[in-house]
Amino acid sequence: MAIKELLESIAERVGRAGVSMVFGEPHVVGTRTVIPVASVSFGFGGGGGESAHDEGDQPASSGGGGGGGGKATPVAVIEVSDEGTHVLPIVDITRIRLAGFACLALGLWVLGRALPRIMRHR
């Protein structure tokens, strides 16, 4: 596939991206309607090159490449009921714990670096 065709194919697919990629199909559970919500992101890259030789019998060479990817992460649920509409966020407790451990490790490292200096000045 030529680079131009690849870029046109990517543009066509991204052009179809819309609300349906972020908001899922509504599900009715009793008197409540639940709508899943996701964070969607895409990334693309590409490259190419050409080389023409005027000397000898060497043919002109060319090359190209490309790639892309996408990611969808659930972030919330919208709940619609007789009592009203509520957005219920999805909390990633693992990410929160990792951030807490990272802060604790940084604090201990800073304390470990500062404590000998403090003790020397006493």
N, C-alpha and C. Protein backbone atom coordinates (compact mmCIF):
# COMPACT_ATOMS: atom_id res chain seq x y z
N MET A 1 0.86 -1.17 0.00
CA MET A 1 0.00 0.00 0.00
C MET A 1 0.90 1.23 0.00
N ALA A 2 0.66 2.15 -0.89
CA ALA A 2 1.44 3.38 -0.97
C ALA A 2 1.11 4.29 0.21
N ILE A 3 2.01 5.18 0.51
CA ILE A 3 1.83 6.06 1.67
C ILE A 3 0.57 6.91 1.52
N LYS A 4 0.32 7.39 0.33
CA LYS A 4 -0.88 8.21 0.11
C LYS A 4 -2.15 7.41 0.43
N GLU A 5 -2.19 6.17 -0.02
CA GLU A 5 -3.35 5.31 0.25
C GLU A 5 -3.47 5.02 1.75
N LEU A 6 -2.33 4.82 2.41
CA LEU A 6 -2.33 4.57 3.85
C LEU A 6 -2.89 5.77 4.60
N LEU A 7 -2.43 6.96 4.27
CA LEU A 7 -2.91 8.17 4.94
C LEU A 7 -4.39 8.41 4.68
N GLU A 8 -4.85 8.13 3.46
CA GLU A 8 -6.27 8.28 3.15
C GLU A 8 -7.11 7.29 3.95
N SER A 9 -6.61 6.07 4.10
CA SER A 9 -7.32 5.06 4.88
C SER A 9 -7.42 5.47 6.34
N ILE A 10 -6.32 6.00 6.89
CA ILE A 10 -6.33 6.45 8.29
C ILE A 10 -7.30 7.61 8.45
N ALA A 11 -7.25 8.58 7.54
CA ALA A 11 -8.14 9.75 7.62
C ALA A 11 -9.60 9.33 7.55
N GLU A 12 -9.90 8.34 6.73
CA GLU A 12 -11.28 7.86 6.61
C GLU A 12 -11.76 7.25 7.93
N ARG A 13 -10.90 6.45 8.55
CA ARG A 13 -11.29 5.80 9.81
C ARG A 13 -11.41 6.79 10.95
N VAL A 14 -10.50 7.75 11.02
CA VAL A 14 -10.58 8.76 12.08
C VAL A 14 -11.79 9.66 11.85
N GLY A 15 -12.11 9.90 10.60
CA GLY A 15 -13.28 10.73 10.28
C GLY A 15 -14.58 10.10 10.75
N ARG A 16 -14.60 8.78 10.88
CA ARG A 16 -15.80 8.09 11.38
C ARG A 16 -15.90 8.12 12.90
N ALA A 17 -14.83 8.57 13.56
CA ALA A 17 -14.85 8.64 15.02
C ALA A 17 -15.89 9.66 15.46
N GLY A 18 -16.68 9.29 16.41
CA GLY A 18 -17.72 10.19 16.87
C GLY A 18 -18.12 9.87 18.29
N VAL A 19 -19.28 10.33 18.65
CA VAL A 19 -19.78 10.17 20.01
C VAL A 19 -19.93 8.70 20.37
N SER A 20 -20.22 7.87 19.41
CA SER A 20 -20.42 6.45 19.70
C SER A 20 -19.15 5.77 20.19
N MET A 21 -17.99 6.38 19.94
CA MET A 21 -16.75 5.81 20.45
C MET A 21 -16.55 6.13 21.93
N VAL A 22 -17.15 7.21 22.41
CA VAL A 22 -16.99 7.63 23.80
C VAL A 22 -18.15 7.13 24.66
N PHE A 23 -19.35 7.24 24.15
CA PHE A 23 -20.55 6.80 24.88
C PHE A 23 -21.01 5.46 24.33
N GLY A 24 -21.13 4.47 25.21
CA GLY A 24 -21.57 3.15 24.79
C GLY A 24 -23.08 3.08 24.63
N GLU A 25 -23.56 1.92 24.24
CA GLU A 25 -24.99 1.69 24.08
C GLU A 25 -25.68 1.75 25.45
N PRO A 26 -26.80 2.45 25.55
CA PRO A 26 -27.54 2.49 26.82
C PRO A 26 -28.11 1.11 27.18
N HIS A 27 -28.05 0.78 28.47
CA HIS A 27 -28.60 -0.48 28.98
C HIS A 27 -29.67 -0.14 29.99
N VAL A 28 -30.85 -0.71 29.82
CA VAL A 28 -31.95 -0.48 30.75
C VAL A 28 -31.93 -1.59 31.79
N VAL A 29 -31.85 -1.18 33.06
CA VAL A 29 -31.84 -2.11 34.19
C VAL A 29 -32.97 -1.66 35.12
N GLY A 30 -34.08 -2.36 35.07
CA GLY A 30 -35.25 -1.95 35.87
C GLY A 30 -35.77 -0.61 35.38
N THR A 31 -35.80 0.37 36.29
CA THR A 31 -36.27 1.72 35.92
C THR A 31 -35.10 2.65 35.61
N ARG A 32 -33.91 2.12 35.60
CA ARG A 32 -32.71 2.94 35.37
C ARG A 32 -32.10 2.64 33.99
N THR A 33 -31.54 3.67 33.41
CA THR A 33 -30.79 3.52 32.16
C THR A 33 -29.33 3.83 32.47
N VAL A 34 -28.45 2.92 32.08
CA VAL A 34 -27.02 3.07 32.35
C VAL A 34 -26.29 3.24 31.02
N ILE A 35 -25.46 4.29 30.93
CA ILE A 35 -24.71 4.58 29.71
C ILE A 35 -23.22 4.58 30.05
N PRO A 36 -22.43 3.65 29.51
CA PRO A 36 -20.99 3.65 29.78
C PRO A 36 -20.28 4.77 29.03
N VAL A 37 -19.25 5.33 29.65
CA VAL A 37 -18.47 6.42 29.06
C VAL A 37 -16.99 6.01 29.08
N ALA A 38 -16.30 6.25 27.96
CA ALA A 38 -14.89 5.89 27.86
C ALA A 38 -14.07 7.06 27.36
N SER A 39 -12.79 7.02 27.68
CA SER A 39 -11.83 7.97 27.13
C SER A 39 -11.15 7.26 25.97
N VAL A 40 -11.18 7.87 24.80
CA VAL A 40 -10.65 7.24 23.60
C VAL A 40 -9.52 8.10 23.05
N SER A 41 -8.39 7.46 22.70
CA SER A 41 -7.28 8.21 22.11
C SER A 41 -6.65 7.39 20.97
N PHE A 42 -6.08 8.11 20.02
CA PHE A 42 -5.43 7.50 18.87
C PHE A 42 -4.05 8.10 18.69
N GLY A 43 -3.17 7.34 18.10
CA GLY A 43 -1.85 7.85 17.74
C GLY A 43 -1.43 7.23 16.42
N PHE A 44 -0.82 8.04 15.59
CA PHE A 44 -0.39 7.57 14.27
C PHE A 44 0.99 8.11 13.95
N GLY A 45 1.71 7.41 13.12
CA GLY A 45 3.01 7.88 12.66
C GLY A 45 3.31 7.26 11.31
N GLY A 46 4.19 7.89 10.61
CA GLY A 46 4.55 7.37 9.30
C GLY A 46 5.85 7.98 8.82
N GLY A 47 6.40 7.39 7.80
CA GLY A 47 7.63 7.92 7.23
C GLY A 47 7.86 7.33 5.85
N GLY A 48 8.78 7.90 5.15
CA GLY A 48 9.08 7.41 3.82
C GLY A 48 10.39 7.98 3.33
N GLY A 49 10.85 7.50 2.22
CA GLY A 49 12.09 8.00 1.65
C GLY A 49 12.27 7.55 0.22
N GLU A 50 13.12 8.26 -0.48
CA GLU A 50 13.45 7.91 -1.86
C GLU A 50 14.92 8.16 -2.09
N SER A 51 15.47 7.42 -3.00
CA SER A 51 16.87 7.61 -3.37
C SER A 51 17.01 7.30 -4.85
N ALA A 52 17.47 8.25 -5.60
CA ALA A 52 17.67 8.05 -7.04
C ALA A 52 19.17 8.14 -7.33
N HIS A 53 19.69 7.18 -8.07
CA HIS A 53 21.12 7.16 -8.42
C HIS A 53 21.26 7.43 -9.91
N ASP A 54 22.11 8.38 -10.20
CA ASP A 54 22.37 8.69 -11.60
C ASP A 54 23.51 7.86 -12.17
N GLU A 55 24.29 7.23 -11.30
CA GLU A 55 25.46 6.50 -11.77
C GLU A 55 25.14 5.03 -11.99
N GLY A 56 25.70 4.47 -12.97
CA GLY A 56 25.63 3.03 -13.23
C GLY A 56 24.22 2.52 -13.43
N ASP A 57 24.06 1.22 -13.13
CA ASP A 57 22.79 0.55 -13.34
C ASP A 57 21.96 0.42 -12.07
N GLN A 58 22.28 1.20 -11.05
CA GLN A 58 21.52 1.06 -9.79
C GLN A 58 20.12 1.63 -9.95
N PRO A 59 19.12 0.86 -9.57
CA PRO A 59 17.74 1.36 -9.68
C PRO A 59 17.44 2.36 -8.56
N ALA A 60 16.47 3.17 -8.80
CA ALA A 60 16.02 4.09 -7.76
C ALA A 60 15.32 3.28 -6.67
N SER A 61 15.55 3.64 -5.44
CA SER A 61 14.93 2.89 -4.34
C SER A 61 14.00 3.81 -3.56
N SER A 62 13.05 3.21 -2.91
CA SER A 62 12.13 3.99 -2.08
C SER A 62 11.71 3.12 -0.91
N GLY A 63 11.17 3.75 0.09
CA GLY A 63 10.73 3.00 1.25
C GLY A 63 9.68 3.80 2.01
N GLY A 64 8.99 3.13 2.86
CA GLY A 64 7.98 3.82 3.65
C GLY A 64 7.47 2.92 4.75
N GLY A 65 6.83 3.51 5.68
CA GLY A 65 6.28 2.73 6.78
C GLY A 65 5.31 3.57 7.57
N GLY A 66 4.52 2.92 8.34
CA GLY A 66 3.56 3.65 9.16
C GLY A 66 2.97 2.74 10.20
N GLY A 67 2.33 3.35 11.14
CA GLY A 67 1.69 2.56 12.18
C GLY A 67 0.73 3.42 12.96
N GLY A 68 -0.04 2.77 13.75
CA GLY A 68 -0.99 3.52 14.57
C GLY A 68 -1.58 2.63 15.63
N GLY A 69 -2.26 3.25 16.52
CA GLY A 69 -2.89 2.49 17.58
C GLY A 69 -3.98 3.30 18.25
N GLY A 70 -4.77 2.62 19.00
CA GLY A 70 -5.85 3.29 19.72
C GLY A 70 -6.03 2.67 21.09
N LYS A 71 -6.67 3.42 21.95
CA LYS A 71 -6.88 2.96 23.32
C LYS A 71 -8.21 3.50 23.82
N ALA A 72 -8.97 2.66 24.47
CA ALA A 72 -10.23 3.08 25.09
C ALA A 72 -10.20 2.65 26.56
N THR A 73 -10.43 3.59 27.46
CA THR A 73 -10.41 3.32 28.88
C THR A 73 -11.74 3.74 29.49
N PRO A 74 -12.41 2.85 30.23
CA PRO A 74 -13.67 3.25 30.86
C PRO A 74 -13.40 4.31 31.94
N VAL A 75 -14.21 5.37 31.94
CA VAL A 75 -14.00 6.45 32.91
C VAL A 75 -15.21 6.73 33.78
N ALA A 76 -16.41 6.41 33.31
CA ALA A 76 -17.60 6.71 34.10
C ALA A 76 -18.81 5.96 33.57
N VAL A 77 -19.88 6.05 34.33
CA VAL A 77 -21.17 5.51 33.94
C VAL A 77 -22.20 6.60 34.21
N ILE A 78 -23.05 6.87 33.24
CA ILE A 78 -24.14 7.82 33.44
C ILE A 78 -25.38 7.02 33.79
N GLU A 79 -25.99 7.36 34.91
CA GLU A 79 -27.19 6.66 35.38
C GLU A 79 -28.37 7.62 35.29
N VAL A 80 -29.38 7.24 34.52
CA VAL A 80 -30.58 8.05 34.36
C VAL A 80 -31.74 7.29 35.00
N SER A 81 -32.41 7.95 35.96
CA SER A 81 -33.54 7.31 36.64
C SER A 81 -34.58 8.38 36.98
N ASP A 82 -35.64 7.96 37.65
CA ASP A 82 -36.68 8.90 38.06
C ASP A 82 -36.15 9.94 39.05
N GLU A 83 -35.14 9.56 39.82
CA GLU A 83 -34.55 10.49 40.80
C GLU A 83 -33.66 11.53 40.14
N GLY A 84 -33.27 11.34 38.92
CA GLY A 84 -32.40 12.29 38.23
C GLY A 84 -31.30 11.58 37.46
N THR A 85 -30.35 12.37 36.99
CA THR A 85 -29.22 11.86 36.24
C THR A 85 -27.96 12.03 37.07
N HIS A 86 -27.17 10.96 37.17
CA HIS A 86 -25.95 11.00 37.96
C HIS A 86 -24.80 10.44 37.13
N VAL A 87 -23.63 11.06 37.29
CA VAL A 87 -22.42 10.56 36.66
C VAL A 87 -21.62 9.86 37.76
N LEU A 88 -21.37 8.58 37.58
CA LEU A 88 -20.62 7.79 38.55
C LEU A 88 -19.25 7.49 37.98
N PRO A 89 -18.20 8.17 38.47
CA PRO A 89 -16.86 7.93 37.93
C PRO A 89 -16.34 6.55 38.29
N ILE A 90 -15.54 6.00 37.41
CA ILE A 90 -14.89 4.72 37.67
C ILE A 90 -13.50 5.05 38.21
N VAL A 91 -13.25 4.65 39.45
CA VAL A 91 -11.99 4.96 40.11
C VAL A 91 -11.04 3.78 39.96
N ASP A 92 -9.85 4.05 39.46
CA ASP A 92 -8.83 3.02 39.30
C ASP A 92 -7.98 3.01 40.57
N ILE A 93 -8.35 2.17 41.53
CA ILE A 93 -7.68 2.14 42.83
C ILE A 93 -6.22 1.72 42.70
N THR A 94 -5.89 0.91 41.71
CA THR A 94 -4.50 0.49 41.51
C THR A 94 -3.64 1.69 41.16
N ARG A 95 -4.12 2.55 40.31
CA ARG A 95 -3.37 3.75 39.92
C ARG A 95 -3.19 4.69 41.12
N ILE A 96 -4.21 4.80 41.95
CA ILE A 96 -4.12 5.65 43.13
C ILE A 96 -3.10 5.09 44.11
N ARG A 97 -3.12 3.78 44.31
CA ARG A 97 -2.14 3.15 45.21
C ARG A 97 -0.72 3.32 44.70
N LEU A 98 -0.52 3.13 43.41
CA LEU A 98 0.82 3.31 42.83
C LEU A 98 1.32 4.74 43.01
N ALA A 99 0.44 5.71 42.83
CA ALA A 99 0.83 7.11 43.04
C ALA A 99 1.20 7.34 44.51
N GLY A 100 0.43 6.73 45.44
CA GLY A 100 0.74 6.86 46.86
C GLY A 100 2.09 6.26 47.20
N PHE A 101 2.37 5.07 46.66
CA PHE A 101 3.67 4.44 46.91
C PHE A 101 4.81 5.27 46.32
N ALA A 102 4.59 5.86 45.15
CA ALA A 102 5.62 6.69 44.54
C ALA A 102 5.90 7.92 45.40
N CYS A 103 4.86 8.55 45.93
CA CYS A 103 5.03 9.72 46.81
C CYS A 103 5.75 9.32 48.10
N LEU A 104 5.39 8.18 48.65
CA LEU A 104 6.05 7.69 49.86
C LEU A 104 7.53 7.42 49.59
N ALA A 105 7.83 6.77 48.48
CA ALA A 105 9.23 6.48 48.13
C ALA A 105 10.02 7.77 47.94
N LEU A 106 9.43 8.75 47.28
CA LEU A 106 10.11 10.03 47.08
C LEU A 106 10.35 10.73 48.41
N GLY A 107 9.35 10.71 49.29
CA GLY A 107 9.51 11.32 50.61
C GLY A 107 10.61 10.65 51.42
N LEU A 108 10.67 9.33 51.40
CA LEU A 108 11.72 8.61 52.12
C LEU A 108 13.10 8.90 51.53
N TRP A 109 13.18 9.01 50.22
CA TRP A 109 14.45 9.33 49.57
C TRP A 109 14.93 10.72 49.98
N VAL A 110 14.02 11.70 49.96
CA VAL A 110 14.38 13.07 50.35
C VAL A 110 14.80 13.09 51.81
N LEU A 111 14.08 12.41 52.67
CA LEU A 111 14.42 12.34 54.09
C LEU A 111 15.78 11.68 54.28
N GLY A 112 16.04 10.61 53.55
CA GLY A 112 17.33 9.92 53.64
C GLY A 112 18.49 10.80 53.19
N ARG A 113 18.26 11.66 52.23
CA ARG A 113 19.31 12.58 51.77
C ARG A 113 19.50 13.74 52.73
N ALA A 114 18.42 14.21 53.35
CA ALA A 114 18.49 15.39 54.21
C ALA A 114 18.92 15.07 55.63
N LEU A 115 18.56 13.91 56.15
CA LEU A 115 18.83 13.56 57.54
C LEU A 115 20.32 13.59 57.90
N PRO A 116 21.22 13.02 57.11
CA PRO A 116 22.65 13.12 57.47
C PRO A 116 23.15 14.56 57.51
N ARG A 117 22.67 15.40 56.66
CA ARG A 117 23.10 16.81 56.67
C ARG A 117 22.58 17.52 57.91
N ILE A 118 21.36 17.21 58.28
CA ILE A 118 20.79 17.82 59.47
C ILE A 118 21.57 17.37 60.70
N MET A 119 21.90 16.10 60.78
CA MET A 119 22.62 15.56 61.93
C MET A 119 24.04 16.14 62.02
N ARG A 120 24.71 16.43 60.90
CA ARG A 120 26.05 17.01 60.90
C ARG A 120 26.06 18.42 61.45
N HIS A 121 25.01 19.17 61.23
CA HIS A 121 24.95 20.57 61.64
C HIS A 121 24.55 20.73 63.10
N ARG A 122 24.22 19.68 63.78
CA ARG A 122 23.84 19.77 65.20
C ARG A 122 25.01 19.87 66.06
